[in-house]
Amino acid sequence: MKLKSDYKVRKIAGESVIVRMGQQNVKMTTIISLNPTSEWLWEQLQGVEFDAEKVADLLTGEYEVEREVALKDAEAWIASLTKADLVSE
């Protein structure tokens, strides 16, 4: 899977949020905000094919986290992205 390229991270009122580029007059009923780790993962995975294993590799390479925990977190992160329709197969 890949992150959809028409979404970008922008800073709004001090928060990192995902916005769809090229959309005007969009009714913003859902705001997707990112914590620092999610924002870092988003930046690392731009234009890259990934799965839970790849995300877990990034997490264990950057943070002091056990592989099992990283894999569980990666799966949850990907599920959140999928639910928000931010990834393509």
PDB file of N, CA and C in Angstrom:
ATOM      1  N   MET A   1       0.833  -1.175   0.000  1.00  0.00           N
ATOM      2  CA  MET A   1       0.000   0.000   0.000  1.00  0.00           C
ATOM      3  C   MET A   1       0.876   1.237   0.000  1.00  0.00           C
ATOM      4  N   LYS A   2       0.265   2.351  -0.345  1.00  0.00           N
ATOM      5  CA  LYS A   2       0.951   3.650  -0.363  1.00  0.00           C
ATOM      6  C   LYS A   2       0.026   4.705   0.224  1.00  0.00           C
ATOM      7  N   LEU A   3       0.638   5.753   0.751  1.00  0.00           N
ATOM      8  CA  LEU A   3      -0.133   6.917   1.168  1.00  0.00           C
ATOM      9  C   LEU A   3      -0.654   7.612  -0.078  1.00  0.00           C
ATOM     10  N   LYS A   4      -1.884   8.070  -0.043  1.00  0.00           N
ATOM     11  CA  LYS A   4      -2.429   8.782  -1.200  1.00  0.00           C
ATOM     12  C   LYS A   4      -1.678  10.101  -1.361  1.00  0.00           C
ATOM     13  N   SER A   5      -1.262  10.370  -2.581  1.00  0.00           N
ATOM     14  CA  SER A   5      -0.403  11.525  -2.833  1.00  0.00           C
ATOM     15  C   SER A   5      -1.127  12.862  -2.810  1.00  0.00           C
ATOM     16  N   ASP A   6      -2.459  12.846  -2.843  1.00  0.00           N
ATOM     17  CA  ASP A   6      -3.180  14.119  -2.839  1.00  0.00           C
ATOM     18  C   ASP A   6      -3.471  14.636  -1.435  1.00  0.00           C
ATOM     19  N   TYR A   7      -2.905  13.971  -0.422  1.00  0.00           N
ATOM     20  CA  TYR A   7      -3.023  14.439   0.961  1.00  0.00           C
ATOM     21  C   TYR A   7      -1.665  14.905   1.453  1.00  0.00           C
ATOM     22  N   LYS A   8      -1.656  15.998   2.167  1.00  0.00           N
ATOM     23  CA  LYS A   8      -0.421  16.567   2.703  1.00  0.00           C
ATOM     24  C   LYS A   8      -0.621  16.936   4.168  1.00  0.00           C
ATOM     25  N   VAL A   9       0.475  17.018   4.895  1.00  0.00           N
ATOM     26  CA  VAL A   9       0.436  17.464   6.282  1.00  0.00           C
ATOM     27  C   VAL A   9       0.647  18.967   6.304  1.00  0.00           C
ATOM     28  N   ARG A  10      -0.200  19.655   7.031  1.00  0.00           N
ATOM     29  CA  ARG A  10      -0.093  21.101   7.197  1.00  0.00           C
ATOM     30  C   ARG A  10      -0.220  21.427   8.677  1.00  0.00           C
ATOM     31  N   LYS A  11       0.419  22.507   9.085  1.00  0.00           N
ATOM     32  CA  LYS A  11       0.300  22.999  10.458  1.00  0.00           C
ATOM     33  C   LYS A  11      -0.862  23.978  10.509  1.00  0.00           C
ATOM     34  N   ILE A  12      -1.823  23.697  11.375  1.00  0.00           N
ATOM     35  CA  ILE A  12      -2.966  24.580  11.562  1.00  0.00           C
ATOM     36  C   ILE A  12      -3.141  24.769  13.063  1.00  0.00           C
ATOM     37  N   ALA A  13      -3.022  26.001  13.504  1.00  0.00           N
ATOM     38  CA  ALA A  13      -3.158  26.343  14.926  1.00  0.00           C
ATOM     39  C   ALA A  13      -2.233  25.488  15.794  1.00  0.00           C
ATOM     40  N   GLY A  14      -1.024  25.255  15.291  1.00  0.00           N
ATOM     41  CA  GLY A  14      -0.034  24.514  16.057  1.00  0.00           C
ATOM     42  C   GLY A  14      -0.182  23.002  16.003  1.00  0.00           C
ATOM     43  N   GLU A  15      -1.164  22.516  15.279  1.00  0.00           N
ATOM     44  CA  GLU A  15      -1.396  21.079  15.149  1.00  0.00           C
ATOM     45  C   GLU A  15      -1.025  20.629  13.739  1.00  0.00           C
ATOM     46  N   SER A  16      -0.485  19.430  13.625  1.00  0.00           N
ATOM     47  CA  SER A  16      -0.224  18.833  12.320  1.00  0.00           C
ATOM     48  C   SER A  16      -1.473  18.082  11.887  1.00  0.00           C
ATOM     49  N   VAL A  17      -2.054  18.500  10.781  1.00  0.00           N
ATOM     50  CA  VAL A  17      -3.275  17.872  10.274  1.00  0.00           C
ATOM     51  C   VAL A  17      -3.090  17.467   8.822  1.00  0.00           C
ATOM     52  N   ILE A  18      -3.847  16.478   8.415  1.00  0.00           N
ATOM     53  CA  ILE A  18      -3.807  16.016   7.033  1.00  0.00           C
ATOM     54  C   ILE A  18      -4.906  16.728   6.262  1.00  0.00           C
ATOM     55  N   VAL A  19      -4.527  17.307   5.132  1.00  0.00           N
ATOM     56  CA  VAL A  19      -5.499  17.996   4.278  1.00  0.00           C
ATOM     57  C   VAL A  19      -5.375  17.475   2.859  1.00  0.00           C
ATOM     58  N   ARG A  20      -6.486  17.514   2.147  1.00  0.00           N
ATOM     59  CA  ARG A  20      -6.491  17.098   0.755  1.00  0.00           C
ATOM     60  C   ARG A  20      -6.186  18.307  -0.103  1.00  0.00           C
ATOM     61  N   MET A  21      -5.180  18.197  -0.919  1.00  0.00           N
ATOM     62  CA  MET A  21      -4.753  19.310  -1.763  1.00  0.00           C
ATOM     63  C   MET A  21      -5.697  19.465  -2.950  1.00  0.00           C
ATOM     64  N   GLY A  22      -5.900  20.714  -3.350  1.00  0.00           N
ATOM     65  CA  GLY A  22      -6.704  21.006  -4.524  1.00  0.00           C
ATOM     66  C   GLY A  22      -8.198  21.026  -4.268  1.00  0.00           C
ATOM     67  N   GLN A  23      -8.607  20.875  -3.025  1.00  0.00           N
ATOM     68  CA  GLN A  23     -10.028  20.908  -2.694  1.00  0.00           C
ATOM     69  C   GLN A  23     -10.390  22.290  -2.164  1.00  0.00           C
ATOM     70  N   GLN A  24     -11.373  22.897  -2.754  1.00  0.00           N
ATOM     71  CA  GLN A  24     -11.846  24.190  -2.278  1.00  0.00           C
ATOM     72  C   GLN A  24     -13.266  24.028  -1.751  1.00  0.00           C
ATOM     73  N   ASN A  25     -13.600  24.840  -0.784  1.00  0.00           N
ATOM     74  CA  ASN A  25     -14.938  24.814  -0.199  1.00  0.00           C
ATOM     75  C   ASN A  25     -15.315  23.426   0.311  1.00  0.00           C
ATOM     76  N   VAL A  26     -14.344  22.758   0.928  1.00  0.00           N
ATOM     77  CA  VAL A  26     -14.579  21.429   1.463  1.00  0.00           C
ATOM     78  C   VAL A  26     -15.239  21.543   2.829  1.00  0.00           C
ATOM     79  N   LYS A  27     -16.250  20.773   3.042  1.00  0.00           N
ATOM     80  CA  LYS A  27     -16.900  20.722   4.349  1.00  0.00           C
ATOM     81  C   LYS A  27     -16.028  19.857   5.257  1.00  0.00           C
ATOM     82  N   MET A  28     -15.393  20.477   6.231  1.00  0.00           N
ATOM     83  CA  MET A  28     -14.441  19.755   7.074  1.00  0.00           C
ATOM     84  C   MET A  28     -15.132  19.256   8.335  1.00  0.00           C
ATOM     85  N   THR A  29     -15.794  18.119   8.209  1.00  0.00           N
ATOM     86  CA  THR A  29     -16.464  17.540   9.363  1.00  0.00           C
ATOM     87  C   THR A  29     -15.540  16.602  10.126  1.00  0.00           C
ATOM     88  N   THR A  30     -14.472  16.171   9.493  1.00  0.00           N
ATOM     89  CA  THR A  30     -13.505  15.302  10.147  1.00  0.00           C
ATOM     90  C   THR A  30     -12.122  15.896   9.984  1.00  0.00           C
ATOM     91  N   ILE A  31     -11.441  16.063  11.088  1.00  0.00           N
ATOM     92  CA  ILE A  31     -10.067  16.546  11.069  1.00  0.00           C
ATOM     93  C   ILE A  31      -9.167  15.396  11.474  1.00  0.00           C
ATOM     94  N   ILE A  32      -8.149  15.148  10.700  1.00  0.00           N
ATOM     95  CA  ILE A  32      -7.199  14.090  11.018  1.00  0.00           C
ATOM     96  C   ILE A  32      -5.921  14.761  11.472  1.00  0.00           C
ATOM     97  N   SER A  33      -5.661  14.656  12.757  1.00  0.00           N
ATOM     98  CA  SER A  33      -4.447  15.262  13.292  1.00  0.00           C
ATOM     99  C   SER A  33      -3.427  14.166  13.575  1.00  0.00           C
ATOM    100  N   LEU A  34      -2.170  14.538  13.537  1.00  0.00           N
ATOM    101  CA  LEU A  34      -1.077  13.595  13.724  1.00  0.00           C
ATOM    102  C   LEU A  34      -0.257  13.959  14.950  1.00  0.00           C
ATOM    103  N   ASN A  35       0.080  12.954  15.737  1.00  0.00           N
ATOM    104  CA  ASN A  35       1.046  13.183  16.811  1.00  0.00           C
ATOM    105  C   ASN A  35       2.436  13.176  16.170  1.00  0.00           C
ATOM    106  N   PRO A  36       3.483  13.545  16.899  1.00  0.00           N
ATOM    107  CA  PRO A  36       4.817  13.622  16.288  1.00  0.00           C
ATOM    108  C   PRO A  36       5.290  12.322  15.640  1.00  0.00           C
ATOM    109  N   THR A  37       5.002  11.178  16.238  1.00  0.00           N
ATOM    110  CA  THR A  37       5.428   9.907  15.651  1.00  0.00           C
ATOM    111  C   THR A  37       4.685   9.630  14.359  1.00  0.00           C
ATOM    112  N   SER A  38       3.377   9.863  14.332  1.00  0.00           N
ATOM    113  CA  SER A  38       2.592   9.663  13.112  1.00  0.00           C
ATOM    114  C   SER A  38       3.041  10.599  12.003  1.00  0.00           C
ATOM    115  N   GLU A  39       3.351  11.828  12.366  1.00  0.00           N
ATOM    116  CA  GLU A  39       3.840  12.785  11.366  1.00  0.00           C
ATOM    117  C   GLU A  39       5.179  12.322  10.801  1.00  0.00           C
ATOM    118  N   TRP A  40       6.059  11.830  11.670  1.00  0.00           N
ATOM    119  CA  TRP A  40       7.366  11.331  11.219  1.00  0.00           C
ATOM    120  C   TRP A  40       7.175  10.140  10.278  1.00  0.00           C
ATOM    121  N   LEU A  41       6.291   9.204  10.648  1.00  0.00           N
ATOM    122  CA  LEU A  41       6.028   8.055   9.773  1.00  0.00           C
ATOM    123  C   LEU A  41       5.467   8.522   8.430  1.00  0.00           C
ATOM    124  N   TRP A  42       4.543   9.470   8.455  1.00  0.00           N
ATOM    125  CA  TRP A  42       3.954   9.995   7.217  1.00  0.00           C
ATOM    126  C   TRP A  42       5.053  10.538   6.302  1.00  0.00           C
ATOM    127  N   GLU A  43       5.986  11.289   6.871  1.00  0.00           N
ATOM    128  CA  GLU A  43       7.087  11.852   6.085  1.00  0.00           C
ATOM    129  C   GLU A  43       7.988  10.750   5.525  1.00  0.00           C
ATOM    130  N   GLN A  44       8.277   9.739   6.321  1.00  0.00           N
ATOM    131  CA  GLN A  44       9.164   8.650   5.886  1.00  0.00           C
ATOM    132  C   GLN A  44       8.545   7.806   4.775  1.00  0.00           C
ATOM    133  N   LEU A  45       7.241   7.719   4.738  1.00  0.00           N
ATOM    134  CA  LEU A  45       6.563   6.798   3.828  1.00  0.00           C
ATOM    135  C   LEU A  45       5.980   7.458   2.587  1.00  0.00           C
ATOM    136  N   GLN A  46       6.259   8.741   2.369  1.00  0.00           N
ATOM    137  CA  GLN A  46       5.774   9.418   1.165  1.00  0.00           C
ATOM    138  C   GLN A  46       6.327   8.726  -0.082  1.00  0.00           C
ATOM    139  N   GLY A  47       5.435   8.264  -0.952  1.00  0.00           N
ATOM    140  CA  GLY A  47       5.835   7.660  -2.217  1.00  0.00           C
ATOM    141  C   GLY A  47       6.442   6.280  -2.100  1.00  0.00           C
ATOM    142  N   VAL A  48       6.317   5.654  -0.935  1.00  0.00           N
ATOM    143  CA  VAL A  48       6.950   4.357  -0.675  1.00  0.00           C
ATOM    144  C   VAL A  48       5.875   3.299  -0.435  1.00  0.00           C
ATOM    145  N   GLU A  49       6.057   2.126  -1.034  1.00  0.00           N
ATOM    146  CA  GLU A  49       5.194   0.988  -0.717  1.00  0.00           C
ATOM    147  C   GLU A  49       5.523   0.540   0.696  1.00  0.00           C
ATOM    148  N   PHE A  50       4.502   0.234   1.488  1.00  0.00           N
ATOM    149  CA  PHE A  50       4.762  -0.209   2.849  1.00  0.00           C
ATOM    150  C   PHE A  50       3.689  -1.173   3.337  1.00  0.00           C
ATOM    151  N   ASP A  51       4.033  -1.865   4.391  1.00  0.00           N
ATOM    152  CA  ASP A  51       3.111  -2.725   5.112  1.00  0.00           C
ATOM    153  C   ASP A  51       3.463  -2.599   6.593  1.00  0.00           C
ATOM    154  N   ALA A  52       2.809  -3.368   7.437  1.00  0.00           N
ATOM    155  CA  ALA A  52       3.052  -3.266   8.873  1.00  0.00           C
ATOM    156  C   ALA A  52       4.501  -3.584   9.223  1.00  0.00           C
ATOM    157  N   GLU A  53       5.107  -4.517   8.522  1.00  0.00           N
ATOM    158  CA  GLU A  53       6.512  -4.867   8.786  1.00  0.00           C
ATOM    159  C   GLU A  53       7.430  -3.677   8.519  1.00  0.00           C
ATOM    160  N   LYS A  54       7.204  -2.987   7.416  1.00  0.00           N
ATOM    161  CA  LYS A  54       8.016  -1.811   7.067  1.00  0.00           C
ATOM    162  C   LYS A  54       7.847  -0.714   8.110  1.00  0.00           C
ATOM    163  N   VAL A  55       6.611  -0.468   8.538  1.00  0.00           N
ATOM    164  CA  VAL A  55       6.356   0.552   9.551  1.00  0.00           C
ATOM    165  C   VAL A  55       7.028   0.159  10.866  1.00  0.00           C
ATOM    166  N   ALA A  56       6.932  -1.107  11.242  1.00  0.00           N
ATOM    167  CA  ALA A  56       7.585  -1.583  12.469  1.00  0.00           C
ATOM    168  C   ALA A  56       9.095  -1.428  12.370  1.00  0.00           C
ATOM    169  N   ASP A  57       9.668  -1.690  11.190  1.00  0.00           N
ATOM    170  CA  ASP A  57      11.110  -1.491  10.990  1.00  0.00           C
ATOM    171  C   ASP A  57      11.492  -0.036  11.245  1.00  0.00           C
ATOM    172  N   LEU A  58      10.698   0.885  10.713  1.00  0.00           N
ATOM    173  CA  LEU A  58      10.971   2.308  10.929  1.00  0.00           C
ATOM    174  C   LEU A  58      10.893   2.658  12.414  1.00  0.00           C
ATOM    175  N   LEU A  59       9.863   2.171  13.069  1.00  0.00           N
ATOM    176  CA  LEU A  59       9.680   2.474  14.492  1.00  0.00           C
ATOM    177  C   LEU A  59      10.824   1.943  15.348  1.00  0.00           C
ATOM    178  N   THR A  60      11.234   0.702  15.103  1.00  0.00           N
ATOM    179  CA  THR A  60      12.313   0.132  15.917  1.00  0.00           C
ATOM    180  C   THR A  60      13.658   0.764  15.586  1.00  0.00           C
ATOM    181  N   GLY A  61      13.800   1.278  14.369  1.00  0.00           N
ATOM    182  CA  GLY A  61      15.045   1.944  13.993  1.00  0.00           C
ATOM    183  C   GLY A  61      15.179   3.340  14.585  1.00  0.00           C
ATOM    184  N   GLU A  62      14.054   3.976  14.865  1.00  0.00           N
ATOM    185  CA  GLU A  62      14.063   5.358  15.343  1.00  0.00           C
ATOM    186  C   GLU A  62      13.821   5.473  16.852  1.00  0.00           C
ATOM    187  N   TYR A  63      13.049   4.556  17.392  1.00  0.00           N
ATOM    188  CA  TYR A  63      12.651   4.632  18.792  1.00  0.00           C
ATOM    189  C   TYR A  63      13.062   3.373  19.547  1.00  0.00           C
ATOM    190  N   GLU A  64      13.193   3.503  20.838  1.00  0.00           N
ATOM    191  CA  GLU A  64      13.487   2.345  21.678  1.00  0.00           C
ATOM    192  C   GLU A  64      12.172   1.643  21.992  1.00  0.00           C
ATOM    193  N   VAL A  65      11.794   0.734  21.118  1.00  0.00           N
ATOM    194  CA  VAL A  65      10.533   0.010  21.262  1.00  0.00           C
ATOM    195  C   VAL A  65      10.774  -1.446  20.838  1.00  0.00           C
ATOM    196  N   GLU A  66      10.165  -2.367  21.552  1.00  0.00           N
ATOM    197  CA  GLU A  66      10.292  -3.781  21.212  1.00  0.00           C
ATOM    198  C   GLU A  66       9.573  -4.061  19.900  1.00  0.00           C
ATOM    199  N   ARG A  67      10.087  -5.026  19.167  1.00  0.00           N
ATOM    200  CA  ARG A  67       9.548  -5.366  17.853  1.00  0.00           C
ATOM    201  C   ARG A  67       8.057  -5.700  17.920  1.00  0.00           C
ATOM    202  N   GLU A  68       7.653  -6.498  18.892  1.00  0.00           N
ATOM    203  CA  GLU A  68       6.255  -6.894  19.018  1.00  0.00           C
ATOM    204  C   GLU A  68       5.346  -5.681  19.232  1.00  0.00           C
ATOM    205  N   VAL A  69       5.793  -4.765  20.064  1.00  0.00           N
ATOM    206  CA  VAL A  69       5.022  -3.545  20.332  1.00  0.00           C
ATOM    207  C   VAL A  69       4.964  -2.691  19.069  1.00  0.00           C
ATOM    208  N   ALA A  70       6.091  -2.555  18.395  1.00  0.00           N
ATOM    209  CA  ALA A  70       6.143  -1.759  17.165  1.00  0.00           C
ATOM    210  C   ALA A  70       5.218  -2.336  16.099  1.00  0.00           C
ATOM    211  N   LEU A  71       5.186  -3.649  15.976  1.00  0.00           N
ATOM    212  CA  LEU A  71       4.328  -4.284  14.973  1.00  0.00           C
ATOM    213  C   LEU A  71       2.850  -4.071  15.310  1.00  0.00           C
ATOM    214  N   LYS A  72       2.503  -4.191  16.568  1.00  0.00           N
ATOM    215  CA  LYS A  72       1.120  -3.951  16.989  1.00  0.00           C
ATOM    216  C   LYS A  72       0.726  -2.500  16.726  1.00  0.00           C
ATOM    217  N   ASP A  73       1.621  -1.565  17.059  1.00  0.00           N
ATOM    218  CA  ASP A  73       1.353  -0.148  16.806  1.00  0.00           C
ATOM    219  C   ASP A  73       1.253   0.141  15.306  1.00  0.00           C
ATOM    220  N   ALA A  74       2.108  -0.495  14.512  1.00  0.00           N
ATOM    221  CA  ALA A  74       2.090  -0.315  13.064  1.00  0.00           C
ATOM    222  C   ALA A  74       0.761  -0.782  12.478  1.00  0.00           C
ATOM    223  N   GLU A  75       0.288  -1.920  12.937  1.00  0.00           N
ATOM    224  CA  GLU A  75      -0.988  -2.439  12.443  1.00  0.00           C
ATOM    225  C   GLU A  75      -2.139  -1.503  12.802  1.00  0.00           C
ATOM    226  N   ALA A  76      -2.120  -0.963  14.009  1.00  0.00           N
ATOM    227  CA  ALA A  76      -3.170  -0.022  14.432  1.00  0.00           C
ATOM    228  C   ALA A  76      -3.099   1.270  13.620  1.00  0.00           C
ATOM    229  N   TRP A  77      -1.866   1.756  13.358  1.00  0.00           N
ATOM    230  CA  TRP A  77      -1.684   2.978  12.579  1.00  0.00           C
ATOM    231  C   TRP A  77      -2.212   2.795  11.164  1.00  0.00           C
ATOM    232  N   ILE A  78      -1.881   1.669  10.560  1.00  0.00           N
ATOM    233  CA  ILE A  78      -2.342   1.377   9.197  1.00  0.00           C
ATOM    234  C   ILE A  78      -3.861   1.235   9.170  1.00  0.00           C
ATOM    235  N   ALA A  79      -4.435   0.614  10.185  1.00  0.00           N
ATOM    236  CA  ALA A  79      -5.896   0.488  10.250  1.00  0.00           C
ATOM    237  C   ALA A  79      -6.550   1.868  10.318  1.00  0.00           C
ATOM    238  N   SER A  80      -5.957   2.781  11.065  1.00  0.00           N
ATOM    239  CA  SER A  80      -6.489   4.149  11.151  1.00  0.00           C
ATOM    240  C   SER A  80      -6.397   4.858   9.811  1.00  0.00           C
ATOM    241  N   LEU A  81      -5.277   4.704   9.125  1.00  0.00           N
ATOM    242  CA  LEU A  81      -5.122   5.316   7.799  1.00  0.00           C
ATOM    243  C   LEU A  81      -6.136   4.742   6.818  1.00  0.00           C
ATOM    244  N   THR A  82      -6.319   3.431   6.872  1.00  0.00           N
ATOM    245  CA  THR A  82      -7.255   2.771   5.978  1.00  0.00           C
ATOM    246  C   THR A  82      -8.677   3.246   6.236  1.00  0.00           C
ATOM    247  N   LYS A  83      -9.062   3.324   7.498  1.00  0.00           N
ATOM    248  CA  LYS A  83     -10.398   3.790   7.856  1.00  0.00           C
ATOM    249  C   LYS A  83     -10.650   5.214   7.365  1.00  0.00           C
ATOM    250  N   ALA A  84      -9.609   6.041   7.399  1.00  0.00           N
ATOM    251  CA  ALA A  84      -9.735   7.429   6.939  1.00  0.00           C
ATOM    252  C   ALA A  84      -9.544   7.560   5.423  1.00  0.00           C
ATOM    253  N   ASP A  85      -9.349   6.432   4.728  1.00  0.00           N
ATOM    254  CA  ASP A  85      -9.167   6.408   3.269  1.00  0.00           C
ATOM    255  C   ASP A  85      -7.953   7.222   2.822  1.00  0.00           C
ATOM    256  N   LEU A  86      -6.843   7.076   3.552  1.00  0.00           N
ATOM    257  CA  LEU A  86      -5.616   7.813   3.237  1.00  0.00           C
ATOM    258  C   LEU A  86      -4.565   6.961   2.539  1.00  0.00           C
ATOM    259  N   VAL A  87      -4.887   5.678   2.298  1.00  0.00           N
ATOM    260  CA  VAL A  87      -3.937   4.790   1.623  1.00  0.00           C
ATOM    261  C   VAL A  87      -4.595   4.163   0.405  1.00  0.00           C
ATOM    262  N   SER A  88      -3.759   3.778  -0.529  1.00  0.00           N
ATOM    263  CA  SER A  88      -4.232   3.038  -1.700  1.00  0.00           C
ATOM    264  C   SER A  88      -3.466   1.727  -1.764  1.00  0.00           C
ATOM    265  N   GLU A  89      -4.120   0.734  -2.296  1.00  0.00           N
ATOM    266  CA  GLU A  89      -3.502  -0.600  -2.388  1.00  0.00           C
ATOM    267  C   GLU A  89      -2.553  -0.665  -3.549  1.00  0.00           C
TER     268      GLU A  89
END
